[in-house]
């Protein structure tokens, strides 16, 4: 431990003792033991913190689906979780051409529920228009894990999503970075209006 770490804790404890003595009419001494303990604890906590290496900047953009496959990009947003929100998405072909899009307002919800609602609504539209085979992408890893595994809290929505997926040839359900899902990010905001 060096002085750069110890001095702020000394000054802090001097200030606390001075305030206590001035405003409470006391004559408490400054606790050197407490000051050292706080500084040591701070050093130990900071030494255990993981220091990340250099960050690498990667370029991300929308990736087309496999040939003759449609891609459903979905997203959802909630103003104050729980609160009103919007959901939306779009379907494009393997060339990136727009096929169909949607957005809707949703009442009291949270972010994961809104993402699952968006997936369900997107799947309903895809089934109605017989757009198959299909890849589904979202920036919500949590929603993907719930559909692949189970979650009792959202079981009803998950079962509905799986049912709709069984009616289609879904080749992939995958995560994309938010930056790759920019167009789909615009639709939920329209749904919130």
N, C-alpha and C. Protein backbone atom coordinates (compact mmCIF):
# COMPACT_ATOMS: atom_id res chain seq x y z
N UNK A 1 0.86 -1.17 0.00
CA UNK A 1 0.00 0.00 0.00
C UNK A 1 0.91 1.24 0.00
N UNK A 2 0.55 2.22 -0.84
CA UNK A 2 1.35 3.43 -0.92
C UNK A 2 0.59 4.63 -0.32
N UNK A 3 1.26 5.76 -0.30
CA UNK A 3 0.68 6.96 0.29
C UNK A 3 -0.52 7.47 -0.51
N UNK A 4 -0.50 7.25 -1.81
CA UNK A 4 -1.62 7.71 -2.65
C UNK A 4 -2.93 7.04 -2.24
N UNK A 5 -2.83 5.86 -1.70
CA UNK A 5 -4.01 5.15 -1.23
C UNK A 5 -4.36 5.54 0.20
N UNK A 6 -3.35 5.66 1.04
CA UNK A 6 -3.58 5.91 2.46
C UNK A 6 -4.07 7.33 2.77
N UNK A 7 -3.54 8.33 2.10
CA UNK A 7 -3.88 9.73 2.41
C UNK A 7 -5.38 10.02 2.28
N UNK A 8 -6.07 9.59 1.22
CA UNK A 8 -7.52 9.88 1.16
C UNK A 8 -8.29 9.30 2.34
N UNK A 9 -7.91 8.11 2.80
CA UNK A 9 -8.60 7.51 3.95
C UNK A 9 -8.27 8.27 5.24
N UNK A 10 -7.03 8.75 5.37
CA UNK A 10 -6.68 9.58 6.54
C UNK A 10 -7.51 10.85 6.56
N UNK A 11 -7.56 11.54 5.42
CA UNK A 11 -8.32 12.79 5.34
C UNK A 11 -9.80 12.56 5.60
N UNK A 12 -10.33 11.47 5.06
CA UNK A 12 -11.75 11.15 5.25
C UNK A 12 -12.06 10.94 6.73
N UNK A 13 -11.23 10.16 7.41
CA UNK A 13 -11.47 9.88 8.83
C UNK A 13 -11.22 11.10 9.71
N UNK A 14 -10.28 11.97 9.32
CA UNK A 14 -10.09 13.23 10.05
C UNK A 14 -11.35 14.08 9.92
N UNK A 15 -11.88 14.16 8.71
CA UNK A 15 -13.08 14.95 8.45
C UNK A 15 -14.28 14.40 9.24
N UNK A 16 -14.45 13.06 9.25
CA UNK A 16 -15.55 12.45 10.00
C UNK A 16 -15.43 12.75 11.50
N UNK A 17 -14.21 12.61 12.03
CA UNK A 17 -14.00 12.85 13.47
C UNK A 17 -14.23 14.33 13.80
N UNK A 18 -13.76 15.23 12.95
CA UNK A 18 -13.97 16.67 13.17
C UNK A 18 -15.45 17.00 13.16
N UNK A 19 -16.20 16.47 12.19
CA UNK A 19 -17.65 16.73 12.14
C UNK A 19 -18.36 16.18 13.37
N UNK A 20 -17.98 14.99 13.77
CA UNK A 20 -18.60 14.38 14.95
C UNK A 20 -18.32 15.22 16.20
N UNK A 21 -17.08 15.67 16.33
CA UNK A 21 -16.70 16.47 17.49
C UNK A 21 -17.36 17.85 17.46
N UNK A 22 -17.44 18.45 16.29
CA UNK A 22 -18.00 19.81 16.17
C UNK A 22 -19.51 19.81 16.35
N UNK A 23 -20.20 18.92 15.66
CA UNK A 23 -21.66 18.98 15.63
C UNK A 23 -22.34 18.15 16.72
N UNK A 24 -21.63 17.21 17.28
CA UNK A 24 -22.22 16.39 18.34
C UNK A 24 -21.64 16.71 19.71
N UNK A 25 -20.74 17.69 19.78
CA UNK A 25 -20.15 18.08 21.06
C UNK A 25 -19.31 16.98 21.68
N UNK A 26 -18.67 16.17 20.87
CA UNK A 26 -17.87 15.06 21.39
C UNK A 26 -16.39 15.38 21.30
N UNK A 27 -15.58 14.52 21.85
CA UNK A 27 -14.13 14.67 21.77
C UNK A 27 -13.52 13.32 21.39
N UNK A 28 -14.02 12.76 20.25
CA UNK A 28 -13.54 11.46 19.77
C UNK A 28 -12.19 11.61 19.09
N UNK A 29 -11.24 10.70 19.40
CA UNK A 29 -9.96 10.73 18.69
C UNK A 29 -10.12 10.08 17.30
N UNK A 30 -9.17 10.33 16.45
CA UNK A 30 -9.17 9.70 15.12
C UNK A 30 -8.66 8.28 15.28
N UNK A 31 -9.38 7.32 14.74
CA UNK A 31 -9.01 5.92 14.88
C UNK A 31 -8.04 5.52 13.76
N UNK A 32 -6.77 5.38 14.14
CA UNK A 32 -5.77 4.97 13.14
C UNK A 32 -6.00 3.54 12.70
N UNK A 33 -6.49 2.71 13.63
CA UNK A 33 -6.78 1.32 13.28
C UNK A 33 -7.86 1.25 12.20
N UNK A 34 -8.94 2.02 12.38
CA UNK A 34 -10.03 2.03 11.41
C UNK A 34 -9.55 2.57 10.06
N UNK A 35 -8.74 3.62 10.09
CA UNK A 35 -8.22 4.22 8.86
C UNK A 35 -7.38 3.22 8.09
N UNK A 36 -6.46 2.54 8.77
CA UNK A 36 -5.62 1.53 8.12
C UNK A 36 -6.46 0.36 7.61
N UNK A 37 -7.43 -0.07 8.39
CA UNK A 37 -8.29 -1.19 7.97
C UNK A 37 -9.04 -0.86 6.69
N UNK A 38 -9.58 0.36 6.60
CA UNK A 38 -10.31 0.77 5.40
C UNK A 38 -9.38 0.81 4.19
N UNK A 39 -8.18 1.36 4.37
CA UNK A 39 -7.23 1.45 3.25
C UNK A 39 -6.79 0.07 2.79
N UNK A 40 -6.53 -0.83 3.73
CA UNK A 40 -6.12 -2.20 3.38
C UNK A 40 -7.26 -2.93 2.66
N UNK A 41 -8.48 -2.78 3.17
CA UNK A 41 -9.63 -3.41 2.53
C UNK A 41 -9.78 -2.91 1.09
N UNK A 42 -9.63 -1.61 0.91
CA UNK A 42 -9.72 -1.02 -0.43
C UNK A 42 -8.67 -1.64 -1.36
N UNK A 43 -7.42 -1.75 -0.88
CA UNK A 43 -6.35 -2.33 -1.69
C UNK A 43 -6.63 -3.78 -2.05
N UNK A 44 -7.14 -4.55 -1.10
CA UNK A 44 -7.45 -5.96 -1.37
C UNK A 44 -8.57 -6.10 -2.39
N UNK A 45 -9.60 -5.28 -2.27
CA UNK A 45 -10.71 -5.35 -3.22
C UNK A 45 -10.23 -4.97 -4.62
N UNK A 46 -9.43 -3.92 -4.69
CA UNK A 46 -8.93 -3.48 -6.00
C UNK A 46 -7.97 -4.48 -6.62
N UNK A 47 -7.19 -5.17 -5.80
CA UNK A 47 -6.23 -6.13 -6.36
C UNK A 47 -6.93 -7.36 -6.93
N UNK A 48 -8.15 -7.66 -6.43
CA UNK A 48 -8.90 -8.81 -6.93
C UNK A 48 -9.69 -8.48 -8.18
N UNK A 49 -9.83 -7.19 -8.47
CA UNK A 49 -10.60 -6.78 -9.64
C UNK A 49 -9.87 -7.25 -10.89
N UNK A 50 -10.63 -7.75 -11.83
CA UNK A 50 -10.04 -8.21 -13.08
C UNK A 50 -9.73 -7.00 -13.96
N UNK A 51 -8.51 -6.96 -14.39
CA UNK A 51 -8.11 -5.88 -15.29
C UNK A 51 -8.18 -6.43 -16.70
N UNK A 52 -9.03 -5.82 -17.48
CA UNK A 52 -9.20 -6.29 -18.85
C UNK A 52 -8.05 -5.80 -19.71
N UNK A 53 -7.70 -6.61 -20.67
CA UNK A 53 -6.64 -6.24 -21.59
C UNK A 53 -7.13 -5.18 -22.56
N UNK A 54 -6.33 -4.96 -23.55
CA UNK A 54 -6.69 -3.97 -24.55
C UNK A 54 -7.97 -4.38 -25.26
N UNK A 55 -8.83 -3.40 -25.47
CA UNK A 55 -10.07 -3.67 -26.18
C UNK A 55 -9.79 -3.65 -27.67
N UNK A 56 -10.45 -4.54 -28.37
CA UNK A 56 -10.32 -4.59 -29.81
C UNK A 56 -11.61 -4.12 -30.43
N UNK A 57 -11.50 -3.18 -31.32
CA UNK A 57 -12.66 -2.65 -32.01
C UNK A 57 -12.97 -3.54 -33.20
N UNK A 58 -14.21 -4.05 -33.26
CA UNK A 58 -14.59 -4.88 -34.39
C UNK A 58 -15.75 -4.22 -35.12
N UNK A 59 -15.75 -4.37 -36.42
CA UNK A 59 -16.81 -3.82 -37.25
C UNK A 59 -17.94 -4.84 -37.30
N UNK A 60 -19.14 -4.44 -36.93
CA UNK A 60 -20.28 -5.34 -37.01
C UNK A 60 -21.33 -4.73 -37.92
N UNK A 61 -21.97 -5.56 -38.66
CA UNK A 61 -23.08 -5.12 -39.51
C UNK A 61 -24.03 -6.29 -39.71
N UNK A 62 -25.16 -6.00 -40.32
CA UNK A 62 -26.16 -7.03 -40.54
C UNK A 62 -25.58 -8.10 -41.45
N UNK A 63 -25.78 -9.35 -41.07
CA UNK A 63 -25.29 -10.46 -41.89
C UNK A 63 -26.46 -11.12 -42.58
N UNK A 64 -26.35 -11.34 -43.88
CA UNK A 64 -27.45 -11.97 -44.61
C UNK A 64 -27.64 -13.42 -44.18
N UNK A 65 -28.84 -13.91 -44.41
CA UNK A 65 -29.14 -15.31 -44.09
C UNK A 65 -28.56 -16.20 -45.18
N UNK A 66 -28.65 -17.49 -44.97
CA UNK A 66 -28.22 -18.45 -45.98
C UNK A 66 -29.07 -18.27 -47.24
N UNK A 67 -28.57 -18.68 -48.40
CA UNK A 67 -29.35 -18.53 -49.64
C UNK A 67 -30.74 -19.16 -49.51
N UNK A 68 -31.73 -18.47 -50.08
CA UNK A 68 -33.13 -18.91 -50.08
C UNK A 68 -33.71 -19.08 -48.68
N UNK A 69 -33.17 -18.33 -47.74
CA UNK A 69 -33.65 -18.36 -46.36
C UNK A 69 -34.03 -16.95 -45.94
N UNK A 70 -35.09 -16.83 -45.18
CA UNK A 70 -35.52 -15.53 -44.66
C UNK A 70 -34.91 -15.31 -43.28
N UNK A 71 -34.76 -14.06 -42.92
CA UNK A 71 -34.20 -13.73 -41.61
C UNK A 71 -35.16 -12.80 -40.88
N UNK A 72 -35.55 -13.21 -39.66
CA UNK A 72 -36.41 -12.41 -38.79
C UNK A 72 -35.53 -11.77 -37.72
N UNK A 73 -35.43 -10.43 -37.76
CA UNK A 73 -34.72 -9.67 -36.72
C UNK A 73 -35.78 -9.06 -35.82
N UNK A 74 -35.71 -9.31 -34.53
CA UNK A 74 -36.71 -8.75 -33.61
C UNK A 74 -36.02 -7.95 -32.51
N UNK A 75 -36.83 -7.07 -31.91
CA UNK A 75 -36.35 -6.30 -30.77
C UNK A 75 -37.55 -5.80 -29.99
N UNK A 76 -37.31 -5.37 -28.78
CA UNK A 76 -38.36 -4.80 -27.93
C UNK A 76 -37.70 -3.85 -26.95
N UNK A 77 -38.48 -2.90 -26.48
CA UNK A 77 -37.96 -1.98 -25.46
C UNK A 77 -39.07 -1.60 -24.51
N UNK A 78 -38.67 -1.30 -23.29
CA UNK A 78 -39.61 -0.93 -22.23
C UNK A 78 -39.10 0.36 -21.61
N UNK A 79 -40.00 1.31 -21.40
CA UNK A 79 -39.57 2.61 -20.83
C UNK A 79 -39.09 2.46 -19.41
N UNK A 80 -39.91 2.01 -18.52
CA UNK A 80 -39.54 1.79 -17.12
C UNK A 80 -39.99 0.38 -16.77
N UNK A 81 -39.02 -0.49 -16.51
CA UNK A 81 -39.38 -1.88 -16.28
C UNK A 81 -39.85 -2.07 -14.84
N UNK A 82 -41.08 -2.53 -14.59
CA UNK A 82 -42.12 -2.77 -15.59
C UNK A 82 -42.79 -1.47 -16.01
N UNK A 83 -43.24 -1.45 -17.25
CA UNK A 83 -43.89 -0.27 -17.78
C UNK A 83 -44.35 -0.51 -19.20
N UNK A 84 -44.85 0.52 -19.86
CA UNK A 84 -45.28 0.37 -21.24
C UNK A 84 -44.07 0.20 -22.15
N UNK A 85 -44.27 -0.48 -23.24
CA UNK A 85 -43.16 -0.71 -24.14
C UNK A 85 -43.61 -0.88 -25.57
N UNK A 86 -42.66 -1.21 -26.39
CA UNK A 86 -42.94 -1.45 -27.79
C UNK A 86 -42.16 -2.66 -28.25
N UNK A 87 -42.67 -3.31 -29.27
CA UNK A 87 -41.97 -4.44 -29.85
C UNK A 87 -42.06 -4.34 -31.35
N UNK A 88 -41.12 -4.94 -32.00
CA UNK A 88 -41.13 -4.86 -33.45
C UNK A 88 -40.08 -5.76 -34.07
N UNK A 89 -40.10 -5.80 -35.36
CA UNK A 89 -39.14 -6.60 -36.08
C UNK A 89 -39.35 -6.49 -37.57
N UNK A 90 -38.50 -7.19 -38.30
CA UNK A 90 -38.61 -7.20 -39.74
C UNK A 90 -38.09 -8.50 -40.29
N UNK A 91 -38.57 -8.83 -41.48
CA UNK A 91 -38.13 -10.02 -42.18
C UNK A 91 -37.46 -9.57 -43.47
N UNK A 92 -36.27 -10.11 -43.73
CA UNK A 92 -35.56 -9.82 -44.98
C UNK A 92 -35.19 -11.14 -45.64
N UNK A 93 -34.97 -11.07 -46.94
CA UNK A 93 -34.51 -12.27 -47.64
C UNK A 93 -32.99 -12.34 -47.59
N UNK A 94 -32.41 -13.36 -48.22
CA UNK A 94 -30.96 -13.56 -48.15
C UNK A 94 -30.17 -12.44 -48.81
N UNK A 95 -30.82 -11.64 -49.65
CA UNK A 95 -30.15 -10.50 -50.28
C UNK A 95 -30.25 -9.24 -49.43
N UNK A 96 -30.99 -9.31 -48.34
CA UNK A 96 -31.16 -8.16 -47.47
C UNK A 96 -32.35 -7.30 -47.83
N UNK A 97 -33.15 -7.74 -48.82
CA UNK A 97 -34.32 -6.97 -49.22
C UNK A 97 -35.44 -7.14 -48.19
N UNK A 98 -36.09 -6.03 -47.89
CA UNK A 98 -37.18 -5.97 -46.93
C UNK A 98 -38.37 -6.78 -47.45
N UNK A 99 -38.91 -7.67 -46.63
CA UNK A 99 -40.10 -8.43 -46.99
C UNK A 99 -41.31 -7.88 -46.24
N UNK A 100 -41.21 -7.84 -44.92
CA UNK A 100 -42.31 -7.33 -44.10
C UNK A 100 -41.76 -6.87 -42.75
N UNK A 101 -42.43 -5.90 -42.14
CA UNK A 101 -42.03 -5.42 -40.83
C UNK A 101 -43.25 -5.20 -39.95
N UNK A 102 -43.03 -5.06 -38.67
CA UNK A 102 -44.15 -4.84 -37.75
C UNK A 102 -43.67 -4.08 -36.52
N UNK A 103 -44.59 -3.38 -35.89
CA UNK A 103 -44.35 -2.80 -34.58
C UNK A 103 -45.68 -2.72 -33.85
N UNK A 104 -45.62 -2.85 -32.54
CA UNK A 104 -46.82 -2.84 -31.70
C UNK A 104 -46.51 -2.20 -30.35
N UNK A 105 -47.53 -1.66 -29.75
CA UNK A 105 -47.45 -1.14 -28.39
C UNK A 105 -47.82 -2.28 -27.44
N UNK A 106 -47.16 -2.32 -26.31
CA UNK A 106 -47.52 -3.30 -25.29
C UNK A 106 -47.68 -2.57 -23.96
N UNK A 107 -48.64 -3.01 -23.18
CA UNK A 107 -48.90 -2.36 -21.90
C UNK A 107 -47.88 -2.82 -20.87
N UNK A 108 -48.22 -2.77 -19.63
CA UNK A 108 -47.31 -3.07 -18.53
C UNK A 108 -46.54 -4.36 -18.76
N UNK A 109 -45.23 -4.26 -18.90
CA UNK A 109 -44.38 -5.42 -19.16
C UNK A 109 -42.96 -5.13 -18.68
N UNK A 110 -42.11 -6.15 -18.75
CA UNK A 110 -40.69 -5.96 -18.49
C UNK A 110 -39.92 -6.29 -19.77
N UNK A 111 -38.63 -6.09 -19.78
CA UNK A 111 -37.87 -6.21 -21.03
C UNK A 111 -37.86 -7.64 -21.58
N UNK A 112 -37.68 -8.65 -20.74
CA UNK A 112 -37.62 -10.02 -21.26
C UNK A 112 -38.98 -10.47 -21.77
N UNK A 113 -40.05 -10.09 -21.09
CA UNK A 113 -41.39 -10.42 -21.56
C UNK A 113 -41.65 -9.76 -22.91
N UNK A 114 -41.22 -8.51 -23.06
CA UNK A 114 -41.40 -7.79 -24.32
C UNK A 114 -40.61 -8.46 -25.45
N UNK A 115 -39.41 -8.94 -25.16
CA UNK A 115 -38.61 -9.63 -26.19
C UNK A 115 -39.31 -10.92 -26.63
N UNK A 116 -39.83 -11.67 -25.66
CA UNK A 116 -40.54 -12.90 -26.01
C UNK A 116 -41.82 -12.60 -26.79
N UNK A 117 -42.53 -11.53 -26.42
CA UNK A 117 -43.72 -11.12 -27.17
C UNK A 117 -43.35 -10.76 -28.61
N UNK A 118 -42.22 -10.09 -28.78
CA UNK A 118 -41.77 -9.72 -30.12
C UNK A 118 -41.44 -10.96 -30.95
N UNK A 119 -40.78 -11.93 -30.34
CA UNK A 119 -40.47 -13.17 -31.06
C UNK A 119 -41.76 -13.87 -31.46
N UNK A 120 -42.70 -13.98 -30.52
CA UNK A 120 -43.97 -14.64 -30.83
C UNK A 120 -44.70 -13.92 -31.96
N UNK A 121 -44.78 -12.60 -31.89
CA UNK A 121 -45.50 -11.84 -32.93
C UNK A 121 -44.80 -11.98 -34.27
N UNK A 122 -43.48 -11.92 -34.28
CA UNK A 122 -42.73 -12.11 -35.52
C UNK A 122 -42.97 -13.48 -36.12
N UNK A 123 -42.98 -14.50 -35.27
CA UNK A 123 -43.25 -15.86 -35.75
C UNK A 123 -44.66 -15.99 -36.30
N UNK A 124 -45.65 -15.35 -35.66
CA UNK A 124 -47.02 -15.39 -36.17
C UNK A 124 -47.10 -14.79 -37.57
N UNK A 125 -46.42 -13.67 -37.77
CA UNK A 125 -46.42 -13.03 -39.09
C UNK A 125 -45.74 -13.91 -40.12
N UNK A 126 -44.63 -14.52 -39.75
CA UNK A 126 -43.90 -15.40 -40.66
C UNK A 126 -44.76 -16.61 -41.04
N UNK A 127 -45.47 -17.18 -40.06
CA UNK A 127 -46.37 -18.32 -40.34
C UNK A 127 -47.48 -17.87 -41.28
N UNK A 128 -48.08 -16.70 -41.01
CA UNK A 128 -49.18 -16.20 -41.85
C UNK A 128 -48.75 -15.98 -43.29
N UNK A 129 -47.49 -15.60 -43.50
CA UNK A 129 -47.00 -15.32 -44.85
C UNK A 129 -46.16 -16.47 -45.42
N UNK A 130 -46.07 -17.57 -44.67
CA UNK A 130 -45.35 -18.77 -45.10
C UNK A 130 -43.93 -18.45 -45.57
N UNK A 131 -43.20 -17.71 -44.75
CA UNK A 131 -41.83 -17.33 -45.07
C UNK A 131 -40.88 -18.33 -44.44
N UNK A 132 -40.57 -19.34 -45.17
CA UNK A 132 -39.74 -20.42 -44.65
C UNK A 132 -38.77 -20.87 -45.73
N UNK A 133 -37.61 -21.38 -45.39
CA UNK A 133 -36.97 -21.56 -44.09
C UNK A 133 -36.60 -20.21 -43.47
N UNK A 134 -36.35 -20.23 -42.16
CA UNK A 134 -36.22 -19.00 -41.40
C UNK A 134 -35.07 -19.06 -40.40
N UNK A 135 -34.35 -17.93 -40.30
CA UNK A 135 -33.39 -17.71 -39.23
C UNK A 135 -33.96 -16.61 -38.34
N UNK A 136 -33.80 -16.74 -37.03
CA UNK A 136 -34.29 -15.73 -36.09
C UNK A 136 -33.10 -15.16 -35.35
N UNK A 137 -33.03 -13.82 -35.29
CA UNK A 137 -31.96 -13.18 -34.54
C UNK A 137 -32.54 -12.14 -33.58
N UNK A 138 -31.91 -12.04 -32.43
CA UNK A 138 -32.27 -11.05 -31.42
C UNK A 138 -31.03 -10.70 -30.63
N UNK A 139 -31.05 -9.54 -29.99
CA UNK A 139 -29.92 -9.16 -29.14
C UNK A 139 -30.10 -9.64 -27.70
N UNK A 140 -31.14 -10.44 -27.45
CA UNK A 140 -31.42 -10.92 -26.11
C UNK A 140 -30.99 -12.38 -25.95
N UNK A 141 -29.82 -12.58 -25.34
CA UNK A 141 -29.38 -13.95 -25.09
C UNK A 141 -30.31 -14.65 -24.10
N UNK A 142 -30.88 -13.86 -23.18
CA UNK A 142 -31.79 -14.43 -22.19
C UNK A 142 -33.02 -15.05 -22.85
N UNK A 143 -33.60 -14.35 -23.82
CA UNK A 143 -34.77 -14.88 -24.53
C UNK A 143 -34.41 -16.15 -25.30
N UNK A 144 -33.24 -16.16 -25.92
CA UNK A 144 -32.79 -17.34 -26.67
C UNK A 144 -32.66 -18.53 -25.73
N UNK A 145 -32.00 -18.33 -24.58
CA UNK A 145 -31.83 -19.42 -23.61
C UNK A 145 -33.17 -19.94 -23.11
N UNK A 146 -34.12 -19.04 -22.88
CA UNK A 146 -35.44 -19.46 -22.39
C UNK A 146 -36.17 -20.30 -23.42
N UNK A 147 -36.07 -19.93 -24.69
CA UNK A 147 -36.75 -20.71 -25.73
C UNK A 147 -36.08 -22.07 -25.89
N UNK A 148 -34.76 -22.11 -25.80
CA UNK A 148 -34.04 -23.37 -25.96
C UNK A 148 -34.19 -24.26 -24.73
N UNK A 149 -34.26 -23.66 -23.55
CA UNK A 149 -34.40 -24.42 -22.31
C UNK A 149 -35.81 -24.22 -21.78
N UNK A 150 -35.95 -23.89 -20.53
CA UNK A 150 -37.27 -23.65 -19.94
C UNK A 150 -37.19 -22.51 -18.95
N UNK A 151 -38.35 -21.92 -18.69
CA UNK A 151 -38.48 -20.90 -17.65
C UNK A 151 -39.94 -20.88 -17.24
N UNK A 152 -40.21 -21.25 -16.00
CA UNK A 152 -41.60 -21.37 -15.56
C UNK A 152 -42.36 -20.05 -15.60
N UNK A 153 -41.67 -18.96 -15.31
CA UNK A 153 -42.33 -17.66 -15.28
C UNK A 153 -42.89 -17.27 -16.65
N UNK A 154 -42.18 -17.61 -17.71
CA UNK A 154 -42.59 -17.24 -19.06
C UNK A 154 -43.01 -18.46 -19.89
N UNK A 155 -43.38 -19.53 -19.22
CA UNK A 155 -43.67 -20.80 -19.89
C UNK A 155 -44.73 -20.66 -20.98
N UNK A 156 -45.79 -19.91 -20.73
CA UNK A 156 -46.86 -19.77 -21.71
C UNK A 156 -46.34 -19.18 -23.03
N UNK A 157 -45.57 -18.11 -22.93
CA UNK A 157 -45.00 -17.48 -24.13
C UNK A 157 -43.99 -18.39 -24.82
N UNK A 158 -43.18 -19.06 -24.04
CA UNK A 158 -42.16 -19.95 -24.59
C UNK A 158 -42.81 -21.09 -25.36
N UNK A 159 -43.85 -21.69 -24.79
CA UNK A 159 -44.56 -22.78 -25.46
C UNK A 159 -45.17 -22.29 -26.77
N UNK A 160 -45.74 -21.09 -26.76
CA UNK A 160 -46.32 -20.54 -27.99
C UNK A 160 -45.25 -20.30 -29.05
N UNK A 161 -44.10 -19.79 -28.65
CA UNK A 161 -42.99 -19.58 -29.59
C UNK A 161 -42.52 -20.91 -30.17
N UNK A 162 -42.37 -21.91 -29.33
CA UNK A 162 -41.93 -23.23 -29.81
C UNK A 162 -42.96 -23.83 -30.76
N UNK A 163 -44.24 -23.66 -30.45
CA UNK A 163 -45.30 -24.18 -31.32
C UNK A 163 -45.21 -23.53 -32.70
N UNK A 164 -45.07 -22.21 -32.74
CA UNK A 164 -44.97 -21.51 -34.02
C UNK A 164 -43.70 -21.92 -34.77
N UNK A 165 -42.61 -22.12 -34.04
CA UNK A 165 -41.36 -22.55 -34.67
C UNK A 165 -41.51 -23.95 -35.26
N UNK A 166 -42.31 -24.79 -34.61
CA UNK A 166 -42.51 -26.15 -35.13
C UNK A 166 -43.29 -26.15 -36.44
N UNK A 167 -44.06 -25.08 -36.69
CA UNK A 167 -44.81 -24.97 -37.94
C UNK A 167 -43.93 -24.48 -39.09
N UNK A 168 -42.74 -24.04 -38.75
CA UNK A 168 -41.81 -23.49 -39.73
C UNK A 168 -40.55 -24.34 -39.78
N UNK A 169 -39.77 -24.09 -40.79
CA UNK A 169 -38.44 -24.68 -40.83
C UNK A 169 -37.47 -23.63 -40.30
N UNK A 170 -37.27 -23.64 -38.99
CA UNK A 170 -36.36 -22.68 -38.36
C UNK A 170 -34.97 -23.29 -38.36
N UNK A 171 -34.06 -22.67 -39.11
CA UNK A 171 -32.72 -23.22 -39.23
C UNK A 171 -31.78 -22.72 -38.14
N UNK A 172 -32.10 -21.53 -37.58
CA UNK A 172 -31.19 -20.94 -36.61
C UNK A 172 -31.93 -19.97 -35.70
N UNK A 173 -31.62 -20.01 -34.42
CA UNK A 173 -32.08 -19.02 -33.44
C UNK A 173 -30.82 -18.51 -32.78
N UNK A 174 -30.43 -17.26 -33.08
CA UNK A 174 -29.12 -16.82 -32.64
C UNK A 174 -29.09 -15.39 -32.14
N UNK A 175 -28.02 -15.09 -31.43
CA UNK A 175 -27.79 -13.76 -30.86
C UNK A 175 -27.02 -12.90 -31.86
N UNK A 176 -27.38 -11.61 -31.88
CA UNK A 176 -26.61 -10.62 -32.64
C UNK A 176 -26.34 -9.44 -31.72
N UNK A 177 -25.28 -8.73 -31.99
CA UNK A 177 -25.01 -7.51 -31.24
C UNK A 177 -26.09 -6.48 -31.55
N UNK A 178 -26.33 -5.60 -30.62
CA UNK A 178 -27.35 -4.55 -30.83
C UNK A 178 -27.05 -3.74 -32.09
N UNK A 179 -25.78 -3.52 -32.34
CA UNK A 179 -25.39 -2.73 -33.51
C UNK A 179 -25.75 -3.44 -34.81
N UNK A 180 -25.83 -4.77 -34.79
CA UNK A 180 -26.22 -5.53 -35.98
C UNK A 180 -27.74 -5.55 -36.14
N UNK A 181 -28.44 -5.12 -35.14
CA UNK A 181 -29.90 -5.20 -35.11
C UNK A 181 -30.51 -3.79 -35.16
N UNK A 182 -29.77 -2.82 -35.74
CA UNK A 182 -30.19 -1.42 -35.69
C UNK A 182 -31.56 -1.17 -36.28
N UNK A 183 -31.84 -1.75 -37.43
CA UNK A 183 -33.14 -1.50 -38.07
C UNK A 183 -34.26 -2.04 -37.19
N UNK A 184 -34.07 -3.23 -36.64
CA UNK A 184 -35.08 -3.81 -35.75
C UNK A 184 -35.21 -2.98 -34.47
N UNK A 185 -34.17 -2.27 -34.09
CA UNK A 185 -34.23 -1.44 -32.87
C UNK A 185 -35.16 -0.24 -33.04
N UNK A 186 -35.37 0.20 -34.28
CA UNK A 186 -36.22 1.37 -34.52
C UNK A 186 -37.69 1.06 -34.31
N UNK A 187 -38.10 -0.15 -34.62
CA UNK A 187 -39.53 -0.50 -34.58
C UNK A 187 -40.13 -0.46 -33.19
N UNK A 188 -39.48 -0.99 -32.16
CA UNK A 188 -40.09 -0.91 -30.82
C UNK A 188 -40.32 0.52 -30.36
N UNK A 189 -39.43 1.43 -30.76
CA UNK A 189 -39.62 2.83 -30.37
C UNK A 189 -40.89 3.39 -30.99
N UNK A 190 -41.20 2.97 -32.21
CA UNK A 190 -42.46 3.39 -32.83
C UNK A 190 -43.64 2.79 -32.09
N UNK A 191 -43.47 1.57 -31.61
CA UNK A 191 -44.54 0.92 -30.86
C UNK A 191 -44.81 1.57 -29.52
N UNK A 192 -43.82 2.27 -28.96
CA UNK A 192 -43.99 2.94 -27.67
C UNK A 192 -44.79 4.22 -27.80
N UNK A 193 -44.87 4.77 -29.00
CA UNK A 193 -45.56 6.06 -29.20
C UNK A 193 -47.06 5.94 -29.03
